[in-house]
C-alpha atoms as a PDB file:
ATOM      1  CA  MET A   1      80.574  81.854  99.014  1.00  0.00           C
ATOM      2  CA  ALA A   2      83.924  82.577 100.406  1.00  0.00           C
ATOM      3  CA  ASP A   3      85.412  82.448 103.544  1.00  0.00           C
ATOM      4  CA  LEU A   4      86.557  85.922 104.734  1.00  0.00           C
ATOM      5  CA  LYS A   5      88.767  86.236 107.579  1.00  0.00           C
ATOM      6  CA  LYS A   6      89.089  90.372 108.602  1.00  0.00           C
ATOM      7  CA  TYR A   7      92.061  91.550 109.925  1.00  0.00           C
ATOM      8  CA  THR A   8      93.906  94.143 112.353  1.00  0.00           C
ATOM      9  CA  VAL A   9      96.415  95.857 110.239  1.00  0.00           C
ATOM     10  CA  GLN A  10      98.770  94.278 112.930  1.00  0.00           C
ATOM     11  CA  GLU A  11      97.566  91.078 111.866  1.00  0.00           C
ATOM     12  CA  ALA A  12      97.552  92.325 108.298  1.00  0.00           C
ATOM     13  CA  LEU A  13     101.110  92.270 108.576  1.00  0.00           C
ATOM     14  CA  ASN A  14     102.174  90.478 110.368  1.00  0.00           C
ATOM     15  CA  ARG A  15     101.517  87.744 108.922  1.00  0.00           C
ATOM     16  CA  VAL A  16     103.055  89.050 105.320  1.00  0.00           C
ATOM     17  CA  MET A  17     106.524  89.480 107.080  1.00  0.00           C
ATOM     18  CA  ASN A  18     107.135  86.456 109.215  1.00  0.00           C
ATOM     19  CA  ASP A  19     104.858  83.986 107.466  1.00  0.00           C
ATOM     20  CA  SER A  20     104.860  85.024 103.819  1.00  0.00           C
ATOM     21  CA  ASP A  21     100.806  85.059 103.952  1.00  0.00           C
ATOM     22  CA  ALA A  22     100.675  86.331 100.247  1.00  0.00           C
ATOM     23  CA  SER A  23      97.187  85.649  99.988  1.00  0.00           C
ATOM     24  CA  LEU A  24      96.982  88.986 101.584  1.00  0.00           C
ATOM     25  CA  ASN A  25      97.679  90.119  98.520  1.00  0.00           C
ATOM     26  CA  ILE A  26      99.490  93.388  99.615  1.00  0.00           C
ATOM     27  CA  GLN A  27     100.769  95.379  97.149  1.00  0.00           C
ATOM     28  CA  PRO A  28     103.604  98.089  97.916  1.00  0.00           C
ATOM     29  CA  SER A  29     102.977 101.625  97.034  1.00  0.00           C
ATOM     30  CA  GLY A  30     106.290 101.784  94.792  1.00  0.00           C
ATOM     31  CA  THR A  31     110.097 103.218  96.467  1.00  0.00           C
ATOM     32  CA  GLY A  32     111.159 105.981  97.554  1.00  0.00           C
ATOM     33  CA  THR A  33     115.370 107.626  96.595  1.00  0.00           C
ATOM     34  CA  ALA A  34     115.713 109.823 100.406  1.00  0.00           C
ATOM     35  CA  VAL A  35     118.576 112.460  99.097  1.00  0.00           C
ATOM     36  CA  THR A  36     120.594 115.526 101.906  1.00  0.00           C
ATOM     37  CA  GLN A  37     121.776 118.804 100.185  1.00  0.00           C
ATOM     38  CA  THR A  38     123.437 121.482 102.204  1.00  0.00           C
ATOM     39  CA  ALA A  39     123.582 123.534  99.168  1.00  0.00           C
ATOM     40  CA  ASN A  40     120.246 124.985  96.363  1.00  0.00           C
ATOM     41  CA  GLY A  41     119.935 121.790  93.690  1.00  0.00           C
ATOM     42  CA  GLN A  42     118.212 119.318  91.771  1.00  0.00           C
ATOM     43  CA  ILE A  43     116.454 117.088  93.658  1.00  0.00           C
ATOM     44  CA  LYS A  44     114.791 114.985  90.595  1.00  0.00           C
ATOM     45  CA  GLY A  45     115.506 116.035  87.114  1.00  0.00           C
ATOM     46  CA  SER A  46     111.891 114.759  85.805  1.00  0.00           C
ATOM     47  CA  ALA A  47     108.268 114.516  87.277  1.00  0.00           C
ATOM     48  CA  GLY A  48     108.088 113.311  90.324  1.00  0.00           C
ATOM     49  CA  THR A  49     107.125 112.951  94.072  1.00  0.00           C
ATOM     50  CA  LEU A  50     107.489 114.635  97.267  1.00  0.00           C
ATOM     51  CA  PHE A  51     106.834 112.431  99.643  1.00  0.00           C
ATOM     52  CA  SER A  52     108.389 114.454 102.960  1.00  0.00           C
ATOM     53  CA  VAL A  53     110.292 116.823 103.599  1.00  0.00           C
ATOM     54  CA  GLN A  54     113.328 117.090 106.842  1.00  0.00           C
ATOM     55  CA  ILE A  55     114.779 121.265 107.401  1.00  0.00           C
ATOM     56  CA  SER A  56     117.073 121.723 109.641  1.00  0.00           C
ATOM     57  CA  PHE A  57     118.689 125.567 109.605  1.00  0.00           C
ATOM     58  CA  VAL A  58     121.219 126.385 111.600  1.00  0.00           C
ATOM     59  CA  GLY A  59     122.686 129.818 112.754  1.00  0.00           C
ATOM     60  CA  ASN A  60     119.955 131.326 110.533  1.00  0.00           C
ATOM     61  CA  ALA A  61     117.496 134.409 111.073  1.00  0.00           C
ATOM     62  CA  VAL A  62     114.258 135.104 111.554  1.00  0.00           C
ATOM     63  CA  GLY A  63     112.283 134.472 107.229  1.00  0.00           C
ATOM     64  CA  ASP A  64     115.203 132.997 105.885  1.00  0.00           C
ATOM     65  CA  LYS A  65     113.069 130.003 103.550  1.00  0.00           C
ATOM     66  CA  VAL A  66     113.814 127.365 101.780  1.00  0.00           C
ATOM     67  CA  GLU A  67     111.391 126.923  98.586  1.00  0.00           C
ATOM     68  CA  PHE A  68     110.970 123.692  96.374  1.00  0.00           C
ATOM     69  CA  LEU A  69     109.923 124.011  92.484  1.00  0.00           C
ATOM     70  CA  ASN A  70     108.406 122.814  89.669  1.00  0.00           C
ATOM     71  CA  SER A  71     111.047 122.327  87.772  1.00  0.00           C
ATOM     72  CA  THR A  72     115.355 121.099  87.727  1.00  0.00           C
ATOM     73  CA  SER A  73     117.458 124.668  88.041  1.00  0.00           C
ATOM     74  CA  ALA A  74     116.430 127.841  90.404  1.00  0.00           C
ATOM     75  CA  SER A  75     114.013 129.644  88.112  1.00  0.00           C
ATOM     76  CA  GLY A  76     110.521 128.002  88.182  1.00  0.00           C
ATOM     77  CA  THR A  77     106.999 127.120  89.689  1.00  0.00           C
ATOM     78  CA  SER A  78     107.545 127.111  93.738  1.00  0.00           C
ATOM     79  CA  LEU A  79     105.186 124.189  94.749  1.00  0.00           C
ATOM     80  CA  ILE A  80     106.005 124.505  98.636  1.00  0.00           C
ATOM     81  CA  THR A  81     107.980 127.451 100.849  1.00  0.00           C
ATOM     82  CA  PHE A  82     108.955 126.833 104.008  1.00  0.00           C
ATOM     83  CA  THR A  83     109.990 129.609 105.870  1.00  0.00           C
ATOM     84  CA  SER A  84     111.781 129.694 109.621  1.00  0.00           C
ATOM     85  CA  THR A  85     110.190 131.547 112.362  1.00  0.00           C
ATOM     86  CA  ALA A  86     112.636 130.494 114.673  1.00  0.00           C
ATOM     87  CA  VAL A  87     116.151 130.302 114.892  1.00  0.00           C
ATOM     88  CA  GLY A  88     118.317 127.254 114.992  1.00  0.00           C
ATOM     89  CA  GLN A  89     114.437 125.588 113.469  1.00  0.00           C
ATOM     90  CA  SER A  90     114.325 122.117 112.537  1.00  0.00           C
ATOM     91  CA  PHE A  91     111.195 120.398 111.233  1.00  0.00           C
ATOM     92  CA  THR A  92     110.080 117.591 109.283  1.00  0.00           C
ATOM     93  CA  PHE A  93     106.844 117.611 106.954  1.00  0.00           C
ATOM     94  CA  THR A  94     105.165 114.913 106.054  1.00  0.00           C
ATOM     95  CA  PRO A  95     102.040 115.268 103.474  1.00  0.00           C
ATOM     96  CA  SER A  96      98.913 112.913 104.010  1.00  0.00           C
ATOM     97  CA  VAL A  97      99.698 113.280 100.315  1.00  0.00           C
ATOM     98  CA  GLY A  98     102.326 113.120  97.865  1.00  0.00           C
ATOM     99  CA  ILE A  99     103.374 116.527  96.496  1.00  0.00           C
ATOM    100  CA  ALA A 100     103.222 115.818  92.628  1.00  0.00           C
ATOM    101  CA  TYR A 101     105.954 118.079  90.340  1.00  0.00           C
ATOM    102  CA  GLY A 102     105.186 117.778  86.392  1.00  0.00           C
ATOM    103  CA  THR A 103     108.854 119.211  85.945  1.00  0.00           C
ATOM    104  CA  GLY A 104     111.580 118.273  88.451  1.00  0.00           C
ATOM    105  CA  ILE A 105     112.139 119.105  91.826  1.00  0.00           C
ATOM    106  CA  TYR A 106     114.558 122.077  92.940  1.00  0.00           C
ATOM    107  CA  ALA A 107     115.396 122.535  96.730  1.00  0.00           C
ATOM    108  CA  LYS A 108     115.978 126.341  96.779  1.00  0.00           C
ATOM    109  CA  TRP A 109     116.888 128.367  99.801  1.00  0.00           C
ATOM    110  CA  THR A 110     117.380 132.018 100.576  1.00  0.00           C
ATOM    111  CA  THR A 111     119.634 133.230 103.695  1.00  0.00           C
ATOM    112  CA  THR A 112     120.858 136.205 105.213  1.00  0.00           C
ATOM    113  CA  SER A 113     123.045 133.716 107.797  1.00  0.00           C
ATOM    114  CA  GLY A 114     123.972 130.491 108.751  1.00  0.00           C
ATOM    115  CA  THR A 115     122.882 127.072 106.995  1.00  0.00           C
ATOM    116  CA  VAL A 116     120.578 124.609 106.298  1.00  0.00           C
ATOM    117  CA  THR A 117     120.521 120.876 105.912  1.00  0.00           C
ATOM    118  CA  ILE A 118     117.227 119.433 103.798  1.00  0.00           C
ATOM    119  CA  THR A 119     116.372 115.986 103.535  1.00  0.00           C
ATOM    120  CA  SER A 120     114.174 114.647 100.840  1.00  0.00           C
ATOM    121  CA  VAL A 121     112.284 110.743 100.196  1.00  0.00           C
ATOM    122  CA  PHE A 122     111.380 111.899  96.553  1.00  0.00           C
ATOM    123  CA  SER A 123     110.082 109.200  93.252  1.00  0.00           C
END
């Protein structure tokens, strides 16, 4: 029987990063791309996964919203929607599991005043 070794997560990461210990066989889960937008627009033109979103409302009105559509244009189905509950609100949303989009990823917002900046991490 093989001699099994137990490592804490930190010990395993240190071994891989510092010691180049390939025996742990840690596989990366993939890579993501980040994009920052200040206007409605396509994030990805094909199927993908949304991993994280940072939204910043400046000079906005309560009720302004940002939607992430399963589409390559502004006419798709919204899979997630964020509605501001305060003026000048900023927040980050990072779900435990990425949100899958079968057609494309498109960011669309509706504001009565102010500006919106979003940064999305996707693959």
